[in-house]
């Protein structure tokens, strides 16, 4: 990644974490290079037994919302 006003590049990773709403326990962790879009690993964080899926707008896609609704889950994903 290149930062505005800074010379050189910065290399890094992102940690995508799936957390249980009730207990706060971590259920899934995926690590990606920083240049990978957040929507790419999002489906890997969903375990299948959730009734509601909460997510940041970075994880929002129309296809993901439709799939979650078809599976009977409530998509509570912030819109872009």
C-alpha atoms as a PDB file:
ATOM      1  CA  UNK A   1       0.000   0.000   0.000  1.00  0.00           C
ATOM      2  CA  UNK A   2       1.185   3.491  -0.679  1.00  0.00           C
ATOM      3  CA  UNK A   3       0.273   6.252   1.717  1.00  0.00           C
ATOM      4  CA  UNK A   4      -0.377   9.756   0.507  1.00  0.00           C
ATOM      5  CA  UNK A   5       2.503  12.079   1.291  1.00  0.00           C
ATOM      6  CA  UNK A   6       4.834   9.228   2.285  1.00  0.00           C
ATOM      7  CA  UNK A   7       7.546   7.699   0.150  1.00  0.00           C
ATOM      8  CA  UNK A   8       7.905   3.950  -0.349  1.00  0.00           C
ATOM      9  CA  UNK A   9       5.425   1.153   0.152  1.00  0.00           C
ATOM     10  CA  UNK A  10       4.023  -0.491   3.251  1.00  0.00           C
ATOM     11  CA  UNK A  11       3.329  -4.212   3.323  1.00  0.00           C
ATOM     12  CA  UNK A  12       0.811  -5.704   5.660  1.00  0.00           C
ATOM     13  CA  UNK A  13      -2.002  -8.078   6.382  1.00  0.00           C
ATOM     14  CA  UNK A  14      -5.625  -7.886   7.472  1.00  0.00           C
ATOM     15  CA  UNK A  15      -7.265 -10.107  10.053  1.00  0.00           C
ATOM     16  CA  UNK A  16     -10.946 -10.856   9.382  1.00  0.00           C
ATOM     17  CA  UNK A  17     -12.638 -12.120  12.537  1.00  0.00           C
ATOM     18  CA  UNK A  18     -16.020 -13.814  12.988  1.00  0.00           C
ATOM     19  CA  UNK A  19     -17.356 -13.386  16.532  1.00  0.00           C
ATOM     20  CA  UNK A  20     -20.358 -14.954  18.271  1.00  0.00           C
ATOM     21  CA  UNK A  21     -22.885 -12.223  19.045  1.00  0.00           C
ATOM     22  CA  UNK A  22     -24.026 -13.669  22.367  1.00  0.00           C
ATOM     23  CA  UNK A  23     -20.801 -14.830  23.996  1.00  0.00           C
ATOM     24  CA  UNK A  24     -18.220 -12.694  22.183  1.00  0.00           C
ATOM     25  CA  UNK A  25     -16.116 -15.796  21.442  1.00  0.00           C
ATOM     26  CA  UNK A  26     -14.076 -15.846  18.247  1.00  0.00           C
ATOM     27  CA  UNK A  27     -15.480 -18.434  15.815  1.00  0.00           C
ATOM     28  CA  UNK A  28     -13.357 -17.797  12.723  1.00  0.00           C
ATOM     29  CA  UNK A  29     -10.191 -15.911  11.783  1.00  0.00           C
ATOM     30  CA  UNK A  30      -8.936 -15.382   8.248  1.00  0.00           C
ATOM     31  CA  UNK A  31      -5.758 -13.507   7.389  1.00  0.00           C
ATOM     32  CA  UNK A  32      -5.271 -11.940   3.971  1.00  0.00           C
ATOM     33  CA  UNK A  33      -2.674  -9.679   2.378  1.00  0.00           C
ATOM     34  CA  UNK A  34      -3.645  -6.015   2.705  1.00  0.00           C
ATOM     35  CA  UNK A  35      -4.283  -5.698  -1.029  1.00  0.00           C
ATOM     36  CA  UNK A  36      -7.165  -8.238  -1.016  1.00  0.00           C
ATOM     37  CA  UNK A  37     -10.666  -6.741  -1.040  1.00  0.00           C
ATOM     38  CA  UNK A  38     -12.648  -7.382   2.168  1.00  0.00           C
ATOM     39  CA  UNK A  39     -15.546  -8.974   0.286  1.00  0.00           C
ATOM     40  CA  UNK A  40     -13.327 -11.873  -0.846  1.00  0.00           C
ATOM     41  CA  UNK A  41     -12.913 -13.705   2.522  1.00  0.00           C
ATOM     42  CA  UNK A  42     -16.290 -12.681   3.990  1.00  0.00           C
ATOM     43  CA  UNK A  43     -18.167 -15.910   3.223  1.00  0.00           C
ATOM     44  CA  UNK A  44     -15.460 -17.918   4.989  1.00  0.00           C
ATOM     45  CA  UNK A  45     -16.349 -16.169   8.253  1.00  0.00           C
ATOM     46  CA  UNK A  46     -19.968 -17.352   8.154  1.00  0.00           C
ATOM     47  CA  UNK A  47     -20.277 -20.744   9.859  1.00  0.00           C
ATOM     48  CA  UNK A  48     -23.855 -21.558   8.823  1.00  0.00           C
ATOM     49  CA  UNK A  49     -25.679 -21.723  12.152  1.00  0.00           C
ATOM     50  CA  UNK A  50     -26.100 -17.959  12.556  1.00  0.00           C
ATOM     51  CA  UNK A  51     -29.564 -16.428  12.661  1.00  0.00           C
ATOM     52  CA  UNK A  52     -28.207 -12.914  12.068  1.00  0.00           C
ATOM     53  CA  UNK A  53     -25.034 -11.826  10.279  1.00  0.00           C
ATOM     54  CA  UNK A  54     -23.613  -8.426  11.291  1.00  0.00           C
ATOM     55  CA  UNK A  55     -20.856  -6.900   9.170  1.00  0.00           C
ATOM     56  CA  UNK A  56     -19.101  -3.700   8.223  1.00  0.00           C
ATOM     57  CA  UNK A  57     -19.906  -2.037   4.883  1.00  0.00           C
ATOM     58  CA  UNK A  58     -16.639  -3.379   3.453  1.00  0.00           C
ATOM     59  CA  UNK A  59     -18.260  -6.858   3.372  1.00  0.00           C
ATOM     60  CA  UNK A  60     -21.426  -5.711   1.575  1.00  0.00           C
ATOM     61  CA  UNK A  61     -22.494  -7.197  -1.766  1.00  0.00           C
ATOM     62  CA  UNK A  62     -25.967  -7.624  -3.247  1.00  0.00           C
ATOM     63  CA  UNK A  63     -25.278 -11.318  -3.866  1.00  0.00           C
ATOM     64  CA  UNK A  64     -24.257 -11.912  -0.236  1.00  0.00           C
ATOM     65  CA  UNK A  65     -27.408 -10.216   1.085  1.00  0.00           C
ATOM     66  CA  UNK A  66     -29.608 -12.255  -1.254  1.00  0.00           C
ATOM     67  CA  UNK A  67     -27.889 -15.544  -0.336  1.00  0.00           C
ATOM     68  CA  UNK A  68     -28.217 -14.877   3.393  1.00  0.00           C
ATOM     69  CA  UNK A  69     -31.913 -14.048   2.994  1.00  0.00           C
ATOM     70  CA  UNK A  70     -32.466 -17.220   0.928  1.00  0.00           C
ATOM     71  CA  UNK A  71     -30.841 -19.234   3.741  1.00  0.00           C
ATOM     72  CA  UNK A  72     -33.209 -17.666   6.299  1.00  0.00           C
ATOM     73  CA  UNK A  73     -30.558 -15.477   7.924  1.00  0.00           C
ATOM     74  CA  UNK A  74     -31.007 -11.786   8.646  1.00  0.00           C
ATOM     75  CA  UNK A  75     -28.277  -9.799   6.879  1.00  0.00           C
ATOM     76  CA  UNK A  76     -27.343  -6.851   9.069  1.00  0.00           C
ATOM     77  CA  UNK A  77     -24.553  -5.583   6.828  1.00  0.00           C
ATOM     78  CA  UNK A  78     -23.932  -1.842   6.706  1.00  0.00           C
ATOM     79  CA  UNK A  79     -24.612  -0.547   3.208  1.00  0.00           C
ATOM     80  CA  UNK A  80     -21.941   1.108   1.091  1.00  0.00           C
END
